[in-house]
PDB file of N, CA and C in Angstrom:
ATOM      1  N   MET A   1      11.159  -8.830  17.357  1.00  0.00           N
ATOM      2  CA  MET A   1      11.145  -8.091  16.073  1.00  0.00           C
ATOM      3  C   MET A   1      11.522  -6.382  16.710  1.00  0.00           C
ATOM      4  N   SER A   2      12.186  -6.139  16.227  1.00  0.00           N
ATOM      5  CA  SER A   2      12.602  -4.658  17.197  1.00  0.00           C
ATOM      6  C   SER A   2      11.576  -3.715  16.532  1.00  0.00           C
ATOM      7  N   ILE A   3      11.747  -2.389  17.689  1.00  0.00           N
ATOM      8  CA  ILE A   3      10.881  -1.661  16.695  1.00  0.00           C
ATOM      9  C   ILE A   3      11.118  -0.886  15.630  1.00  0.00           C
ATOM     10  N   SER A   4      12.554  -1.005  15.240  1.00  0.00           N
ATOM     11  CA  SER A   4      12.923  -0.378  14.334  1.00  0.00           C
ATOM     12  C   SER A   4      12.223  -1.210  12.558  1.00  0.00           C
ATOM     13  N   GLN A   5      12.349  -2.837  13.281  1.00  0.00           N
ATOM     14  CA  GLN A   5      12.099  -3.543  11.992  1.00  0.00           C
ATOM     15  C   GLN A   5      10.611  -3.416  11.774  1.00  0.00           C
ATOM     16  N   LEU A   6       9.722  -3.090  13.142  1.00  0.00           N
ATOM     17  CA  LEU A   6       8.016  -2.593  12.531  1.00  0.00           C
ATOM     18  C   LEU A   6       8.024  -1.323  12.241  1.00  0.00           C
ATOM     19  N   ALA A   7       8.682  -0.221  12.223  1.00  0.00           N
ATOM     20  CA  ALA A   7       8.847   0.844  11.623  1.00  0.00           C
ATOM     21  C   ALA A   7       8.919   0.834  10.248  1.00  0.00           C
ATOM     22  N   PHE A   8      10.357   0.192  10.364  1.00  0.00           N
ATOM     23  CA  PHE A   8      10.371  -0.653   8.439  1.00  0.00           C
ATOM     24  C   PHE A   8       9.140  -0.922   8.120  1.00  0.00           C
ATOM     25  N   ILE A   9       8.384  -2.028   8.227  1.00  0.00           N
ATOM     26  CA  ILE A   9       7.525  -2.504   7.857  1.00  0.00           C
ATOM     27  C   ILE A   9       6.591  -1.982   7.752  1.00  0.00           C
ATOM     28  N   PHE A  10       6.451  -0.966   8.408  1.00  0.00           N
ATOM     29  CA  PHE A  10       4.796   0.164   8.437  1.00  0.00           C
ATOM     30  C   PHE A  10       5.601   1.487   7.084  1.00  0.00           C
ATOM     31  N   LEU A  11       6.555   1.633   6.925  1.00  0.00           N
ATOM     32  CA  LEU A  11       6.575   2.386   5.996  1.00  0.00           C
ATOM     33  C   LEU A  11       6.782   1.744   4.851  1.00  0.00           C
ATOM     34  N   THR A  12       7.070   0.342   4.552  1.00  0.00           N
ATOM     35  CA  THR A  12       6.888  -0.218   3.604  1.00  0.00           C
ATOM     36  C   THR A  12       5.491  -0.298   2.718  1.00  0.00           C
ATOM     37  N   VAL A  13       4.958  -0.168   3.834  1.00  0.00           N
ATOM     38  CA  VAL A  13       3.275  -0.757   3.851  1.00  0.00           C
ATOM     39  C   VAL A  13       2.006   0.923   3.658  1.00  0.00           C
ATOM     40  N   ILE A  14       2.877   1.267   4.135  1.00  0.00           N
ATOM     41  CA  ILE A  14       2.572   2.843   3.749  1.00  0.00           C
ATOM     42  C   ILE A  14       3.112   3.575   2.394  1.00  0.00           C
ATOM     43  N   ALA A  15       3.934   3.030   1.836  1.00  0.00           N
ATOM     44  CA  ALA A  15       4.899   3.283   0.223  1.00  0.00           C
ATOM     45  C   ALA A  15       3.506   2.548  -0.394  1.00  0.00           C
ATOM     46  N   LEU A  16       3.388   1.391   0.257  1.00  0.00           N
ATOM     47  CA  LEU A  16       2.905   0.838  -1.048  1.00  0.00           C
ATOM     48  C   LEU A  16       1.018   1.270  -1.400  1.00  0.00           C
ATOM     49  N   ALA A  17       1.152   1.891  -0.141  1.00  0.00           N
ATOM     50  CA  ALA A  17      -0.265   2.138   0.026  1.00  0.00           C
ATOM     51  C   ALA A  17      -0.820   3.651  -1.008  1.00  0.00           C
ATOM     52  N   THR A  18       0.710   4.473  -0.599  1.00  0.00           N
ATOM     53  CA  THR A  18       0.557   5.588  -1.219  1.00  0.00           C
ATOM     54  C   THR A  18       0.741   5.780  -3.279  1.00  0.00           C
ATOM     55  N   GLY A  19       1.288   4.625  -3.413  1.00  0.00           N
ATOM     56  CA  GLY A  19       1.542   3.752  -4.739  1.00  0.00           C
ATOM     57  C   GLY A  19      -0.196   3.548  -5.160  1.00  0.00           C
ATOM     58  N   GLN A  20      -0.647   2.917  -4.269  1.00  0.00           N
ATOM     59  CA  GLN A  20      -2.095   2.858  -4.859  1.00  0.00           C
ATOM     60  C   GLN A  20      -2.762   3.794  -5.230  1.00  0.00           C
ATOM     61  N   ILE A  21      -2.762   4.731  -4.330  1.00  0.00           N
ATOM     62  CA  ILE A  21      -3.331   5.926  -4.500  1.00  0.00           C
ATOM     63  C   ILE A  21      -3.105   7.293  -5.730  1.00  0.00           C
ATOM     64  N   LEU A  22      -1.554   6.745  -5.744  1.00  0.00           N
ATOM     65  CA  LEU A  22      -1.189   7.460  -7.107  1.00  0.00           C
ATOM     66  C   LEU A  22      -1.300   6.873  -8.644  1.00  0.00           C
ATOM     67  N   PHE A  23      -1.691   5.341  -8.513  1.00  0.00           N
ATOM     68  CA  PHE A  23      -2.055   4.702  -9.640  1.00  0.00           C
ATOM     69  C   PHE A  23      -3.822   5.155  -9.248  1.00  0.00           C
ATOM     70  N   LYS A  24      -4.364   5.205  -8.955  1.00  0.00           N
ATOM     71  CA  LYS A  24      -6.060   5.232  -9.329  1.00  0.00           C
ATOM     72  C   LYS A  24      -6.207   6.807  -9.565  1.00  0.00           C
ATOM     73  N   MET A  25      -5.210   7.979  -9.123  1.00  0.00           N
ATOM     74  CA  MET A  25      -4.954   9.111  -9.585  1.00  0.00           C
ATOM     75  C   MET A  25      -4.916   9.168 -11.461  1.00  0.00           C
ATOM     76  N   VAL A  26      -3.719   8.302 -11.240  1.00  0.00           N
ATOM     77  CA  VAL A  26      -3.862   7.614 -12.851  1.00  0.00           C
ATOM     78  C   VAL A  26      -4.643   7.448 -13.097  1.00  0.00           C
ATOM     79  N   ALA A  27      -5.300   6.561 -13.116  1.00  0.00           N
ATOM     80  CA  ALA A  27      -6.587   5.812 -14.151  1.00  0.00           C
ATOM     81  C   ALA A  27      -7.719   6.360 -14.263  1.00  0.00           C
ATOM     82  N   SER A  28      -8.371   7.252 -12.968  1.00  0.00           N
ATOM     83  CA  SER A  28      -9.846   8.014 -13.515  1.00  0.00           C
ATOM     84  C   SER A  28      -9.455   8.703 -14.339  1.00  0.00           C
ATOM     85  N   ASN A  29      -7.933   9.398 -15.011  1.00  0.00           N
ATOM     86  CA  ASN A  29      -8.030   9.990 -16.220  1.00  0.00           C
ATOM     87  C   ASN A  29      -7.218   9.305 -17.574  1.00  0.00           C
ATOM     88  N   LEU A  30      -7.246   7.986 -17.112  1.00  0.00           N
ATOM     89  CA  LEU A  30      -6.204   7.354 -18.279  1.00  0.00           C
ATOM     90  C   LEU A  30      -7.649   6.971 -19.280  1.00  0.00           C
ATOM     91  N   GLU A  31      -6.845   7.237 -20.376  1.00  0.00           N
ATOM     92  CA  GLU A  31      -8.164   7.203 -21.976  1.00  0.00           C
ATOM     93  C   GLU A  31      -7.441   5.535 -22.428  1.00  0.00           C
ATOM     94  N   PHE A  32      -8.752   4.839 -22.379  1.00  0.00           N
ATOM     95  CA  PHE A  32      -8.142   3.812 -22.695  1.00  0.00           C
ATOM     96  C   PHE A  32      -7.854   3.540 -24.380  1.00  0.00           C
ATOM     97  N   SER A  33      -6.974   3.970 -25.178  1.00  0.00           N
ATOM     98  CA  SER A  33      -6.577   3.964 -26.234  1.00  0.00           C
ATOM     99  C   SER A  33      -4.790   3.860 -27.009  1.00  0.00           C
ATOM    100  N   LEU A  34      -4.150   3.719 -27.668  1.00  0.00           N
ATOM    101  CA  LEU A  34      -2.938   4.158 -27.959  1.00  0.00           C
ATOM    102  C   LEU A  34      -2.299   5.017 -27.681  1.00  0.00           C
ATOM    103  N   LEU A  35      -2.986   6.218 -27.751  1.00  0.00           N
ATOM    104  CA  LEU A  35      -2.215   7.425 -27.943  1.00  0.00           C
ATOM    105  C   LEU A  35      -2.750   7.609 -26.206  1.00  0.00           C
ATOM    106  N   GLY A  36      -3.935   7.158 -25.513  1.00  0.00           N
ATOM    107  CA  GLY A  36      -3.733   7.423 -24.050  1.00  0.00           C
ATOM    108  C   GLY A  36      -3.165   7.089 -23.093  1.00  0.00           C
ATOM    109  N   LEU A  37      -3.009   5.393 -23.820  1.00  0.00           N
ATOM    110  CA  LEU A  37      -1.501   4.430 -23.165  1.00  0.00           C
ATOM    111  C   LEU A  37      -0.483   5.329 -23.025  1.00  0.00           C
ATOM    112  N   VAL A  38      -0.305   5.350 -23.930  1.00  0.00           N
ATOM    113  CA  VAL A  38       1.366   6.284 -24.414  1.00  0.00           C
ATOM    114  C   VAL A  38       1.274   7.553 -23.214  1.00  0.00           C
ATOM    115  N   ASN A  39       0.419   8.441 -23.836  1.00  0.00           N
ATOM    116  CA  ASN A  39       0.404   9.395 -22.736  1.00  0.00           C
ATOM    117  C   ASN A  39       0.202   9.672 -21.224  1.00  0.00           C
ATOM    118  N   GLY A  40      -0.564   8.350 -20.712  1.00  0.00           N
ATOM    119  CA  GLY A  40      -0.053   7.630 -19.076  1.00  0.00           C
ATOM    120  C   GLY A  40       0.917   7.368 -18.887  1.00  0.00           C
ATOM    121  N   LEU A  41       2.147   6.514 -19.911  1.00  0.00           N
ATOM    122  CA  LEU A  41       3.131   6.568 -19.473  1.00  0.00           C
ATOM    123  C   LEU A  41       3.947   7.729 -18.644  1.00  0.00           C
ATOM    124  N   PHE A  42       3.504   8.744 -19.301  1.00  0.00           N
ATOM    125  CA  PHE A  42       4.887  10.345 -19.147  1.00  0.00           C
ATOM    126  C   PHE A  42       3.790  11.371 -18.261  1.00  0.00           C
ATOM    127  N   ASN A  43       2.855  10.433 -17.559  1.00  0.00           N
ATOM    128  CA  ASN A  43       2.387  10.914 -16.627  1.00  0.00           C
ATOM    129  C   ASN A  43       2.877  11.495 -15.232  1.00  0.00           C
ATOM    130  N   VAL A  44       3.390  12.282 -14.550  1.00  0.00           N
ATOM    131  CA  VAL A  44       4.147  12.484 -13.868  1.00  0.00           C
ATOM    132  C   VAL A  44       3.939  11.960 -11.988  1.00  0.00           C
ATOM    133  N   LYS A  45       2.304  11.753 -12.320  1.00  0.00           N
ATOM    134  CA  LYS A  45       1.490  10.768 -11.127  1.00  0.00           C
ATOM    135  C   LYS A  45       1.829   9.100 -11.333  1.00  0.00           C
ATOM    136  N   PHE A  46       2.465   8.457 -12.439  1.00  0.00           N
ATOM    137  CA  PHE A  46       2.452   7.722 -12.940  1.00  0.00           C
ATOM    138  C   PHE A  46       4.086   7.199 -12.847  1.00  0.00           C
ATOM    139  N   ILE A  47       4.414   8.103 -13.219  1.00  0.00           N
ATOM    140  CA  ILE A  47       6.135   8.130 -12.527  1.00  0.00           C
ATOM    141  C   ILE A  47       6.389   7.903 -11.417  1.00  0.00           C
ATOM    142  N   LEU A  48       5.804   9.060 -10.637  1.00  0.00           N
ATOM    143  CA  LEU A  48       6.183   8.909  -9.179  1.00  0.00           C
ATOM    144  C   LEU A  48       5.668   7.845  -8.817  1.00  0.00           C
ATOM    145  N   ALA A  49       4.773   6.945  -9.449  1.00  0.00           N
ATOM    146  CA  ALA A  49       3.756   5.739  -8.586  1.00  0.00           C
ATOM    147  C   ALA A  49       5.067   4.957  -8.723  1.00  0.00           C
ATOM    148  N   ILE A  50       5.380   4.365 -10.110  1.00  0.00           N
ATOM    149  CA  ILE A  50       6.263   3.603 -10.180  1.00  0.00           C
ATOM    150  C   ILE A  50       7.754   3.522  -9.570  1.00  0.00           C
ATOM    151  N   ILE A  51       8.298   5.338  -8.601  1.00  0.00           N
ATOM    152  CA  ILE A  51       9.359   5.322  -8.468  1.00  0.00           C
ATOM    153  C   ILE A  51       8.851   5.490  -6.470  1.00  0.00           C
ATOM    154  N   VAL A  52       7.393   5.215  -6.358  1.00  0.00           N
ATOM    155  CA  VAL A  52       7.614   4.802  -4.892  1.00  0.00           C
ATOM    156  C   VAL A  52       7.294   3.448  -4.888  1.00  0.00           C
ATOM    157  N   TYR A  53       6.786   2.553  -6.045  1.00  0.00           N
ATOM    158  CA  TYR A  53       6.572   1.206  -5.856  1.00  0.00           C
ATOM    159  C   TYR A  53       7.850   0.379  -5.750  1.00  0.00           C
ATOM    160  N   PHE A  54       8.915   1.334  -6.713  1.00  0.00           N
ATOM    161  CA  PHE A  54      10.288   0.792  -6.575  1.00  0.00           C
ATOM    162  C   PHE A  54      11.409   0.733  -5.152  1.00  0.00           C
ATOM    163  N   THR A  55      10.483   2.103  -4.603  1.00  0.00           N
ATOM    164  CA  THR A  55      11.061   2.770  -2.923  1.00  0.00           C
ATOM    165  C   THR A  55      10.911   1.483  -1.933  1.00  0.00           C
ATOM    166  N   ALA A  56       9.449   1.096  -2.619  1.00  0.00           N
ATOM    167  CA  ALA A  56       8.371   0.091  -1.626  1.00  0.00           C
ATOM    168  C   ALA A  56       9.219  -1.295  -1.752  1.00  0.00           C
ATOM    169  N   THR A  57       9.570  -1.586  -3.140  1.00  0.00           N
ATOM    170  CA  THR A  57       9.908  -2.796  -3.215  1.00  0.00           C
ATOM    171  C   THR A  57      11.729  -2.889  -2.740  1.00  0.00           C
ATOM    172  N   ILE A  58      12.421  -1.849  -2.409  1.00  0.00           N
ATOM    173  CA  ILE A  58      13.994  -2.170  -1.938  1.00  0.00           C
ATOM    174  C   ILE A  58      13.741  -2.424  -0.497  1.00  0.00           C
ATOM    175  N   MET A  59      12.732  -1.933   0.519  1.00  0.00           N
ATOM    176  CA  MET A  59      12.338  -1.253   1.614  1.00  0.00           C
ATOM    177  C   MET A  59      11.944  -3.225   2.020  1.00  0.00           C
ATOM    178  N   TRP A  60      11.188  -3.519   1.291  1.00  0.00           N
ATOM    179  CA  TRP A  60      10.623  -4.735   1.190  1.00  0.00           C
ATOM    180  C   TRP A  60      11.423  -5.931   1.311  1.00  0.00           C
ATOM    181  N   LEU A  61      12.216  -5.581   0.660  1.00  0.00           N
ATOM    182  CA  LEU A  61      13.743  -6.442   1.041  1.00  0.00           C
ATOM    183  C   LEU A  61      15.264  -6.933   1.605  1.00  0.00           C
ATOM    184  N   PHE A  62      14.667  -5.154   2.118  1.00  0.00           N
ATOM    185  CA  PHE A  62      15.195  -4.954   3.550  1.00  0.00           C
ATOM    186  C   PHE A  62      14.456  -5.740   4.400  1.00  0.00           C
ATOM    187  N   VAL A  63      13.334  -5.109   4.564  1.00  0.00           N
ATOM    188  CA  VAL A  63      12.554  -6.701   5.663  1.00  0.00           C
ATOM    189  C   VAL A  63      12.629  -7.714   5.565  1.00  0.00           C
ATOM    190  N   LEU A  64      12.676  -8.184   4.156  1.00  0.00           N
ATOM    191  CA  LEU A  64      12.658  -9.494   4.474  1.00  0.00           C
ATOM    192  C   LEU A  64      13.873  -9.989   5.022  1.00  0.00           C
ATOM    193  N   LYS A  65      15.746  -9.120   4.527  1.00  0.00           N
ATOM    194  CA  LYS A  65      16.570  -9.810   4.986  1.00  0.00           C
ATOM    195  C   LYS A  65      16.747 -10.218   6.456  1.00  0.00           C
ATOM    196  N   THR A  66      16.085  -9.279   6.542  1.00  0.00           N
ATOM    197  CA  THR A  66      16.259  -9.161   8.361  1.00  0.00           C
ATOM    198  C   THR A  66      14.956  -9.559   8.988  1.00  0.00           C
ATOM    199  N   ILE A  67      13.565  -9.966   8.532  1.00  0.00           N
ATOM    200  CA  ILE A  67      12.668 -10.578   9.360  1.00  0.00           C
ATOM    201  C   ILE A  67      12.142 -12.170   8.676  1.00  0.00           C
ATOM    202  N   PRO A  68      11.758 -12.956   9.287  1.00  0.00           N
ATOM    203  CA  PRO A  68      10.872 -13.737   8.443  1.00  0.00           C
ATOM    204  C   PRO A  68       9.933 -13.521   8.005  1.00  0.00           C
ATOM    205  N   LEU A  69       9.389 -14.089   6.644  1.00  0.00           N
ATOM    206  CA  LEU A  69       8.751 -13.742   5.421  1.00  0.00           C
ATOM    207  C   LEU A  69       7.306 -13.849   6.736  1.00  0.00           C
ATOM    208  N   ARG A  70       7.361 -15.290   7.307  1.00  0.00           N
ATOM    209  CA  ARG A  70       5.746 -15.747   8.141  1.00  0.00           C
ATOM    210  C   ARG A  70       5.419 -14.508   8.961  1.00  0.00           C
ATOM    211  N   VAL A  71       6.603 -13.901   9.623  1.00  0.00           N
ATOM    212  CA  VAL A  71       6.096 -12.593  10.212  1.00  0.00           C
ATOM    213  C   VAL A  71       6.402 -11.499   9.961  1.00  0.00           C
ATOM    214  N   ALA A  72       6.639 -11.048   8.613  1.00  0.00           N
ATOM    215  CA  ALA A  72       6.570 -10.091   7.854  1.00  0.00           C
ATOM    216  C   ALA A  72       5.709  -9.680   7.159  1.00  0.00           C
ATOM    217  N   TYR A  73       5.004 -10.240   6.364  1.00  0.00           N
ATOM    218  CA  TYR A  73       4.071 -10.616   5.620  1.00  0.00           C
ATOM    219  C   TYR A  73       2.746 -10.118   6.039  1.00  0.00           C
ATOM    220  N   PRO A  74       2.054 -10.893   7.203  1.00  0.00           N
ATOM    221  CA  PRO A  74       0.834 -10.915   7.575  1.00  0.00           C
ATOM    222  C   PRO A  74       0.942  -8.902   7.765  1.00  0.00           C
ATOM    223  N   PHE A  75       1.875  -8.334   8.089  1.00  0.00           N
ATOM    224  CA  PHE A  75       1.825  -6.510   8.037  1.00  0.00           C
ATOM    225  C   PHE A  75       0.851  -6.009   6.655  1.00  0.00           C
ATOM    226  N   VAL A  76       1.178  -6.998   5.541  1.00  0.00           N
ATOM    227  CA  VAL A  76       0.672  -6.613   4.237  1.00  0.00           C
ATOM    228  C   VAL A  76      -0.500  -6.044   4.073  1.00  0.00           C
ATOM    229  N   ALA A  77      -1.422  -7.066   5.176  1.00  0.00           N
ATOM    230  CA  ALA A  77      -2.913  -6.953   4.849  1.00  0.00           C
ATOM    231  C   ALA A  77      -2.942  -5.700   5.370  1.00  0.00           C
ATOM    232  N   LEU A  78      -2.276  -4.710   6.364  1.00  0.00           N
ATOM    233  CA  LEU A  78      -2.334  -3.145   6.940  1.00  0.00           C
ATOM    234  C   LEU A  78      -2.370  -2.685   5.978  1.00  0.00           C
ATOM    235  N   SER A  79      -2.652  -2.992   4.686  1.00  0.00           N
ATOM    236  CA  SER A  79      -2.857  -1.613   3.260  1.00  0.00           C
ATOM    237  C   SER A  79      -4.281  -1.867   3.206  1.00  0.00           C
ATOM    238  N   PHE A  80      -4.754  -3.076   3.739  1.00  0.00           N
ATOM    239  CA  PHE A  80      -6.970  -2.961   3.340  1.00  0.00           C
ATOM    240  C   PHE A  80      -7.432  -2.014   3.979  1.00  0.00           C
ATOM    241  N   PHE A  81      -6.234  -1.315   5.376  1.00  0.00           N
ATOM    242  CA  PHE A  81      -7.207  -0.455   5.957  1.00  0.00           C
ATOM    243  C   PHE A  81      -6.805   0.527   5.611  1.00  0.00           C
ATOM    244  N   ILE A  82      -5.357   1.455   5.017  1.00  0.00           N
ATOM    245  CA  ILE A  82      -4.591   2.411   4.674  1.00  0.00           C
ATOM    246  C   ILE A  82      -5.171   3.066   3.680  1.00  0.00           C
ATOM    247  N   VAL A  83      -5.460   1.910   2.806  1.00  0.00           N
ATOM    248  CA  VAL A  83      -5.577   2.656   1.559  1.00  0.00           C
ATOM    249  C   VAL A  83      -7.418   2.953   1.277  1.00  0.00           C
ATOM    250  N   PRO A  84      -8.297   2.522   1.974  1.00  0.00           N
ATOM    251  CA  PRO A  84      -9.345   3.015   1.718  1.00  0.00           C
ATOM    252  C   PRO A  84      -9.014   4.668   2.740  1.00  0.00           C
ATOM    253  N   ILE A  85      -8.845   4.474   3.377  1.00  0.00           N
ATOM    254  CA  ILE A  85      -8.290   5.897   3.949  1.00  0.00           C
ATOM    255  C   ILE A  85      -7.820   7.274   3.509  1.00  0.00           C
ATOM    256  N   LEU A  86      -7.053   6.539   3.194  1.00  0.00           N
ATOM    257  CA  LEU A  86      -6.540   7.667   2.333  1.00  0.00           C
ATOM    258  C   LEU A  86      -6.751   7.550   1.074  1.00  0.00           C
ATOM    259  N   ALA A  87      -7.858   6.905   0.682  1.00  0.00           N
ATOM    260  CA  ALA A  87      -8.686   6.860  -0.457  1.00  0.00           C
ATOM    261  C   ALA A  87      -9.821   8.150  -0.025  1.00  0.00           C
ATOM    262  N   HIS A  88     -10.430   7.918   0.853  1.00  0.00           N
ATOM    263  CA  HIS A  88     -11.492   8.931   1.345  1.00  0.00           C
ATOM    264  C   HIS A  88     -11.147  10.169   1.253  1.00  0.00           C
ATOM    265  N   PHE A  89      -9.611  10.758   2.134  1.00  0.00           N
ATOM    266  CA  PHE A  89      -9.244  11.570   2.349  1.00  0.00           C
ATOM    267  C   PHE A  89      -8.505  12.184   0.986  1.00  0.00           C
ATOM    268  N   LEU A  90      -7.880  11.744   0.265  1.00  0.00           N
ATOM    269  CA  LEU A  90      -7.103  12.257  -0.869  1.00  0.00           C
ATOM    270  C   LEU A  90      -8.146  12.314  -2.014  1.00  0.00           C
ATOM    271  N   LEU A  91      -8.953  11.274  -2.090  1.00  0.00           N
ATOM    272  CA  LEU A  91      -9.866  10.866  -3.638  1.00  0.00           C
ATOM    273  C   LEU A  91     -11.550  11.301  -2.991  1.00  0.00           C
ATOM    274  N   GLY A  92     -11.790  11.237  -2.034  1.00  0.00           N
ATOM    275  CA  GLY A  92     -12.860  11.689  -2.089  1.00  0.00           C
ATOM    276  C   GLY A  92     -13.592  10.212  -1.883  1.00  0.00           C
ATOM    277  N   GLU A  93     -13.374   9.061  -1.815  1.00  0.00           N
ATOM    278  CA  GLU A  93     -14.271   8.081  -2.065  1.00  0.00           C
ATOM    279  C   GLU A  93     -14.519   8.325  -0.721  1.00  0.00           C
ATOM    280  N   SER A  94     -16.165   7.244  -0.183  1.00  0.00           N
ATOM    281  CA  SER A  94     -16.958   7.204   0.908  1.00  0.00           C
ATOM    282  C   SER A  94     -16.094   5.992   0.946  1.00  0.00           C
ATOM    283  N   ILE A  95     -16.447   6.159   2.543  1.00  0.00           N
ATOM    284  CA  ILE A  95     -16.151   5.285   3.671  1.00  0.00           C
ATOM    285  C   ILE A  95     -17.299   4.787   4.910  1.00  0.00           C
ATOM    286  N   ASN A  96     -17.154   3.416   5.176  1.00  0.00           N
ATOM    287  CA  ASN A  96     -18.716   3.231   6.224  1.00  0.00           C
ATOM    288  C   ASN A  96     -17.616   2.146   7.310  1.00  0.00           C
ATOM    289  N   TRP A  97     -18.440   1.439   8.099  1.00  0.00           N
ATOM    290  CA  TRP A  97     -18.290   0.856   9.094  1.00  0.00           C
ATOM    291  C   TRP A  97     -17.638  -0.099   8.796  1.00  0.00           C
ATOM    292  N   ASN A  98     -18.316  -0.904   7.859  1.00  0.00           N
ATOM    293  CA  ASN A  98     -17.998  -2.223   7.260  1.00  0.00           C
ATOM    294  C   ASN A  98     -16.058  -2.489   6.937  1.00  0.00           C
ATOM    295  N   THR A  99     -15.671  -1.129   6.681  1.00  0.00           N
ATOM    296  CA  THR A  99     -14.445  -0.858   6.413  1.00  0.00           C
ATOM    297  C   THR A  99     -13.451  -0.494   7.648  1.00  0.00           C
ATOM    298  N   PHE A 100     -13.948  -0.406   8.844  1.00  0.00           N
ATOM    299  CA  PHE A 100     -13.398  -0.577  10.141  1.00  0.00           C
ATOM    300  C   PHE A 100     -13.709  -1.411  10.878  1.00  0.00           C
ATOM    301  N   ALA A 101     -14.882  -2.314  10.831  1.00  0.00           N
ATOM    302  CA  ALA A 101     -15.130  -3.661  10.932  1.00  0.00           C
ATOM    303  C   ALA A 101     -14.481  -4.393  10.588  1.00  0.00           C
ATOM    304  N   GLY A 102     -13.834  -4.644   9.260  1.00  0.00           N
ATOM    305  CA  GLY A 102     -12.627  -5.519   8.338  1.00  0.00           C
ATOM    306  C   GLY A 102     -11.491  -5.001   9.047  1.00  0.00           C
ATOM    307  N   SER A 103     -10.819  -3.599   9.101  1.00  0.00           N
ATOM    308  CA  SER A 103      -9.508  -3.622   9.183  1.00  0.00           C
ATOM    309  C   SER A 103      -9.604  -4.015  11.040  1.00  0.00           C
ATOM    310  N   GLY A 104     -10.557  -4.098  12.196  1.00  0.00           N
ATOM    311  CA  GLY A 104     -10.275  -4.883  12.691  1.00  0.00           C
ATOM    312  C   GLY A 104     -10.505  -6.319  12.960  1.00  0.00           C
ATOM    313  N   LEU A 105     -10.807  -6.384  12.137  1.00  0.00           N
ATOM    314  CA  LEU A 105     -10.641  -8.491  12.192  1.00  0.00           C
ATOM    315  C   LEU A 105      -9.163  -8.300  11.045  1.00  0.00           C
ATOM    316  N   ILE A 106      -8.830  -7.493  10.822  1.00  0.00           N
ATOM    317  CA  ILE A 106      -7.367  -7.995   9.906  1.00  0.00           C
ATOM    318  C   ILE A 106      -6.232  -7.644  10.986  1.00  0.00           C
ATOM    319  N   LEU A 107      -6.816  -6.521  11.801  1.00  0.00           N
ATOM    320  CA  LEU A 107      -5.207  -6.441  12.938  1.00  0.00           C
ATOM    321  C   LEU A 107      -5.447  -7.810  13.889  1.00  0.00           C
ATOM    322  N   ILE A 108      -6.364  -8.400  14.179  1.00  0.00           N
ATOM    323  CA  ILE A 108      -6.846  -9.206  14.904  1.00  0.00           C
ATOM    324  C   ILE A 108      -5.643 -10.419  14.165  1.00  0.00           C
ATOM    325  N   GLY A 109      -6.152 -10.590  13.048  1.00  0.00           N
ATOM    326  CA  GLY A 109      -5.647 -11.622  12.281  1.00  0.00           C
ATOM    327  C   GLY A 109      -4.107 -11.203  12.018  1.00  0.00           C
ATOM    328  N   ILE A 110      -3.330 -10.160  11.703  1.00  0.00           N
ATOM    329  CA  ILE A 110      -2.061 -10.286  11.941  1.00  0.00           C
ATOM    330  C   ILE A 110      -1.693 -10.263  13.651  1.00  0.00           C
ATOM    331  N   TRP A 111      -2.344 -10.118  14.575  1.00  0.00           N
ATOM    332  CA  TRP A 111      -2.057 -10.236  15.694  1.00  0.00           C
ATOM    333  C   TRP A 111      -1.644 -12.087  15.954  1.00  0.00           C
ATOM    334  N   VAL A 112      -3.008 -12.540  15.488  1.00  0.00           N
ATOM    335  CA  VAL A 112      -2.815 -14.140  15.624  1.00  0.00           C
ATOM    336  C   VAL A 112      -2.167 -14.671  15.045  1.00  0.00           C
ATOM    337  N   SER A 113      -1.154 -14.187  13.941  1.00  0.00           N
ATOM    338  CA  SER A 113      -0.703 -14.913  13.194  1.00  0.00           C
ATOM    339  C   SER A 113       0.742 -14.489  13.687  1.00  0.00           C
ATOM    340  N   VAL A 114       1.107 -13.388  13.966  1.00  0.00           N
ATOM    341  CA  VAL A 114       2.978 -13.123  14.204  1.00  0.00           C
ATOM    342  C   VAL A 114       3.204 -13.012  15.058  1.00  0.00           C
ATOM    343  N   TYR A 115       1.589 -13.266  16.305  1.00  0.00           N
ATOM    344  CA  TYR A 115       2.852 -12.704  17.768  1.00  0.00           C
ATOM    345  C   TYR A 115       2.192 -14.795  18.071  1.00  0.00           C
ATOM    346  N   GLN A 116       3.294 -15.502  19.093  1.00  0.00           N
ATOM    347  CA  GLN A 116       2.728 -16.933  19.374  1.00  0.00           C
ATOM    348  C   GLN A 116       2.253 -16.389  20.524  1.00  0.00           C
TER     349      GLN A 116
END
């Protein structure tokens, strides 16, 4: 796997994580009624999240065209590290040691599953 392929995988995972943060922002203010859901569909952050996810999906298709799925897919687990970090800095959510411990295990898992 080349550096550019690896960078493209990382960009895809970061885009997906960013979309999750945007969805959380929308959900935090969403009212679960018919009118609230309709208003939510026209929320700028919701529309941006959909665009980010669409872009990430196109990027992921490019990744899958050039990299075997068994190699590319484990990197998606990086979102379990990236999302809590972004949530901490952008949403003020707390983060603790077990997030970092779990992230370390995920990194080991990616290394074991991808590199032979």
